[in-house]
Amino acid sequence: MRPKRIILVRHGESEGNLDRSQYQTTQDFALKLTPAGIQQAKQAGMQIRELLGNESVYVYLSPFFRTRETFQHIRESINSNIVKTIEDPRIREQDWGHLRHPDENKGITEERDNFSTFYYRIPDGESGADVYDRVSSFFNTLHRDFEKTNFPENVLIVSHGMAMRLFLMRWFHWSVEEFENLRNPKNCQIIIMEKQADNHYKLMSELDRK
């Protein structure tokens, strides 16, 4: 049976979110949470606990440091609910290739936004379409897991802004234009999908529009 809810959470505020110069000296996967990000994660954990009650949850998370750290603090509130936790690199954030000066990253971001957030491929990195493809591959694992006996009542996915938006695009069959008219979830924003009577999911949360 499909879980009754699929809950997506973006990581808390990271060192890179606070200070773009970090991308010149620290690999994207190695960026950690700020003190504010830790508090956001703790708060998200309490909100998820309230949502779950005593229900079970199966967790998938990106292997990046900031997502693992976010889950560490979320787990403080929902440890008794968790049945299993799996790291999956396919739900990591869009790859930016290598270390760059923040001015160079700013220029790439502007060029991408002018060209197409979905189709523009970051030099030595990925396009939104590339992330869409690997997220689509993750769906195969997700649906196989759903078929397991006594699969938990809920799924929690701890990931990143762009990856989450592309996950939703793939799930709900949004067009490229619909995807590009939406903004990424905020740090530790909780996105809830609930199963309906027809066994399909309804998006219960809203993303900001551009």
Protein backbone atom coordinates (compact mmCIF):
# COMPACT_ATOMS: atom_id res chain seq x y z
CA MET A 1 0.00 0.00 0.00
CA ARG A 2 1.12 3.52 -0.69
CA PRO A 3 1.89 5.59 2.42
CA LYS A 4 -0.77 8.03 3.53
CA ARG A 5 1.68 10.94 3.39
CA ILE A 6 4.87 11.87 1.60
CA ILE A 7 6.60 14.64 3.53
CA LEU A 8 9.44 16.61 1.94
CA VAL A 9 11.73 18.90 3.95
CA ARG A 10 14.46 21.18 2.70
CA HIS A 11 17.61 21.39 4.83
CA GLY A 12 18.03 24.22 7.31
CA GLU A 13 19.99 27.38 6.63
CA SER A 14 23.51 26.38 5.55
CA GLU A 15 26.85 28.15 5.63
CA GLY A 16 26.46 28.68 1.88
CA ASN A 17 22.99 30.19 2.25
CA LEU A 18 24.37 32.70 4.76
CA ASP A 19 27.71 33.45 3.10
CA ARG A 20 28.10 32.86 -0.64
CA SER A 21 31.88 33.17 -0.37
CA GLN A 22 31.86 29.68 1.20
CA TYR A 23 31.42 28.23 -2.30
CA GLN A 24 34.96 29.40 -3.13
CA THR A 25 36.62 27.33 -0.39
CA THR A 26 34.20 24.56 0.66
CA GLN A 27 32.70 21.83 -1.49
CA ASP A 28 28.93 22.11 -1.80
CA PHE A 29 28.38 18.68 -0.25
CA ALA A 30 30.47 19.64 2.79
CA LEU A 31 28.62 22.83 3.78
CA LYS A 32 27.09 22.58 7.25
CA LEU A 33 24.15 24.18 9.04
CA THR A 34 24.39 27.56 10.73
CA PRO A 35 23.10 27.94 14.32
CA ALA A 36 19.88 29.34 12.79
CA GLY A 37 19.69 26.28 10.53
CA ILE A 38 19.98 23.97 13.52
CA GLN A 39 17.07 25.72 15.21
CA GLN A 40 15.03 25.50 12.01
CA ALA A 41 15.68 21.76 11.88
CA LYS A 42 14.67 21.27 15.51
CA GLN A 43 11.46 23.22 14.90
CA ALA A 44 10.72 21.18 11.77
CA GLY A 45 11.18 18.01 13.81
CA MET A 46 8.57 19.14 16.33
CA GLN A 47 6.14 20.03 13.53
CA ILE A 48 6.63 16.65 11.87
CA ARG A 49 6.14 14.88 15.20
CA GLU A 50 2.83 16.69 15.62
CA LEU A 51 1.82 15.61 12.12
CA LEU A 52 2.82 11.97 12.59
CA GLY A 53 1.46 11.36 16.06
CA ASN A 54 2.25 7.69 16.69
CA GLU A 55 2.43 6.74 13.01
CA SER A 56 5.52 5.14 11.49
CA VAL A 57 7.80 6.79 8.94
CA TYR A 58 10.40 5.64 6.39
CA VAL A 59 13.15 8.20 5.76
CA TYR A 60 15.17 8.97 2.63
CA LEU A 61 17.80 11.69 2.71
CA SER A 62 20.44 13.30 0.57
CA PRO A 63 24.00 12.41 1.66
CA PHE A 64 25.13 16.07 1.73
CA PHE A 65 26.35 17.18 5.16
CA ARG A 66 23.63 19.82 5.60
CA THR A 67 20.79 17.38 4.91
CA ARG A 68 22.25 14.73 7.21
CA GLU A 69 22.70 17.35 9.92
CA THR A 70 19.14 18.59 9.39
CA PHE A 71 17.82 15.06 9.79
CA GLN A 72 19.94 14.56 12.91
CA HIS A 73 18.03 17.39 14.60
CA ILE A 74 14.65 16.40 13.16
CA ARG A 75 15.24 12.89 14.49
CA GLU A 76 15.35 14.16 18.05
CA SER A 77 11.57 14.58 17.87
CA ILE A 78 10.59 11.56 15.74
CA ASN A 79 13.09 8.84 16.66
CA SER A 80 10.38 6.50 17.95
CA ASN A 81 8.44 6.86 14.66
CA ILE A 82 11.30 5.90 12.36
CA VAL A 83 11.32 2.41 10.86
CA LYS A 84 14.29 2.82 8.51
CA THR A 85 16.60 5.53 7.16
CA ILE A 86 18.29 5.42 3.76
CA GLU A 87 20.73 7.86 2.15
CA ASP A 88 20.21 8.19 -1.60
CA PRO A 89 22.56 10.36 -3.73
CA ARG A 90 19.89 10.73 -6.43
CA ILE A 91 18.05 13.28 -4.26
CA ARG A 92 21.13 15.46 -3.75
CA GLU A 93 21.12 19.08 -4.90
CA GLN A 94 21.92 20.25 -8.43
CA ASP A 95 25.64 19.81 -9.08
CA TRP A 96 27.56 23.08 -9.57
CA GLY A 97 30.74 21.31 -10.66
CA HIS A 98 33.57 22.74 -8.56
CA LEU A 99 34.70 25.59 -6.31
CA ARG A 100 34.12 29.07 -7.74
CA HIS A 101 34.39 32.70 -6.72
CA PRO A 102 30.95 34.00 -5.65
CA ASP A 103 30.99 36.61 -8.45
CA GLU A 104 31.36 33.80 -11.00
CA ASN A 105 28.50 31.86 -9.39
CA LYS A 106 26.35 34.99 -9.48
CA GLY A 107 27.00 35.38 -13.19
CA ILE A 108 26.10 31.73 -13.82
CA THR A 109 22.88 32.10 -11.81
CA GLU A 110 21.87 35.18 -13.82
CA GLU A 111 22.67 33.46 -17.11
CA ARG A 112 20.69 30.36 -16.06
CA ASP A 113 17.68 32.42 -15.00
CA ASN A 114 17.71 34.30 -18.31
CA PHE A 115 18.14 31.13 -20.38
CA SER A 116 15.99 28.55 -18.52
CA THR A 117 16.26 27.18 -14.99
CA PHE A 118 15.27 23.76 -16.31
CA TYR A 119 17.38 23.49 -19.47
CA TYR A 120 20.52 25.50 -18.64
CA ARG A 121 23.46 23.26 -17.78
CA ILE A 122 25.86 24.75 -15.24
CA PRO A 123 29.46 24.59 -16.57
CA ASP A 124 30.95 21.27 -15.38
CA GLY A 125 27.68 20.67 -13.49
CA GLU A 126 24.05 19.76 -14.12
CA SER A 127 20.95 21.25 -15.65
CA GLY A 128 17.56 21.08 -13.97
CA ALA A 129 16.71 18.45 -16.59
CA ASP A 130 19.65 16.32 -15.40
CA VAL A 131 18.35 16.45 -11.83
CA TYR A 132 14.86 15.63 -13.09
CA ASP A 133 16.23 12.47 -14.73
CA ARG A 134 17.97 11.17 -11.62
CA VAL A 135 14.98 12.04 -9.42
CA SER A 136 12.86 10.03 -11.88
CA SER A 137 15.21 7.09 -11.31
CA PHE A 138 14.71 7.50 -7.54
CA PHE A 139 10.96 7.04 -8.12
CA ASN A 140 11.63 3.44 -9.18
CA THR A 141 13.12 2.71 -5.75
CA LEU A 142 10.33 4.58 -4.02
CA HIS A 143 7.58 2.60 -5.74
CA ARG A 144 9.35 -0.73 -5.14
CA ASP A 145 9.60 0.12 -1.45
CA PHE A 146 5.89 0.97 -1.35
CA GLU A 147 5.19 -2.65 -2.32
CA LYS A 148 6.98 -4.06 0.74
CA THR A 149 4.87 -5.79 3.36
CA ASN A 150 3.84 -3.48 6.21
CA PHE A 151 5.47 -0.44 4.64
CA PRO A 152 5.23 2.52 7.06
CA GLU A 153 2.30 4.95 7.02
CA ASN A 154 4.50 7.90 6.06
CA VAL A 155 7.55 8.78 3.99
CA LEU A 156 9.94 11.60 4.92
CA ILE A 157 12.38 12.92 2.32
CA VAL A 158 15.07 15.35 3.51
CA SER A 159 16.55 17.04 0.46
CA HIS A 160 17.26 20.39 -1.22
CA GLY A 161 15.33 23.26 -2.77
CA MET A 162 15.87 22.53 -6.47
CA ALA A 163 15.73 18.75 -6.02
CA MET A 164 12.44 19.03 -4.13
CA ARG A 165 10.89 21.29 -6.75
CA LEU A 166 11.91 18.84 -9.49
CA PHE A 167 10.57 15.92 -7.43
CA LEU A 168 7.19 17.67 -7.32
CA MET A 169 7.36 18.49 -11.02
CA ARG A 170 7.98 14.84 -11.87
CA TRP A 171 5.32 13.52 -9.48
CA PHE A 172 2.55 15.90 -10.49
CA HIS A 173 3.52 16.06 -14.19
CA TRP A 174 4.04 19.82 -14.17
CA SER A 175 5.14 21.46 -17.39
CA VAL A 176 8.52 23.19 -17.64
CA GLU A 177 6.70 26.53 -17.54
CA GLU A 178 4.82 25.59 -14.36
CA PHE A 179 8.09 24.49 -12.75
CA GLU A 180 9.88 27.70 -13.70
CA ASN A 181 7.08 29.89 -12.32
CA LEU A 182 7.64 28.50 -8.81
CA ARG A 183 10.36 29.21 -6.26
CA ASN A 184 12.31 26.65 -4.28
CA PRO A 185 10.99 25.79 -0.80
CA LYS A 186 12.47 27.87 2.02
CA ASN A 187 14.97 26.41 4.49
CA CYS A 188 13.25 23.67 6.52
CA GLN A 189 9.93 24.31 4.77
CA ILE A 190 7.74 21.22 5.08
CA ILE A 191 5.88 20.12 1.94
CA ILE A 192 3.07 17.61 2.49
CA MET A 193 1.50 15.28 -0.07
CA GLU A 194 -1.55 13.34 1.16
CA LYS A 195 -3.07 10.23 -0.38
CA GLN A 196 -6.69 10.67 -1.46
CA ALA A 197 -9.55 8.17 -1.75
CA ASP A 198 -8.58 7.44 -5.38
CA ASN A 199 -5.05 6.47 -4.21
CA HIS A 200 -3.52 9.57 -5.84
CA TYR A 201 -1.70 12.27 -3.90
CA LYS A 202 -2.77 15.85 -3.39
CA LEU A 203 -0.25 18.61 -2.70
CA MET A 204 -1.37 20.13 0.61
CA SER A 205 1.35 22.78 0.79
CA GLU A 206 2.08 25.76 -1.45
CA LEU A 207 5.27 26.96 -3.06
CA ASP A 208 5.88 30.65 -3.58
CA ARG A 209 5.53 31.93 -7.12
CA LYS A 210 8.07 34.15 -8.87
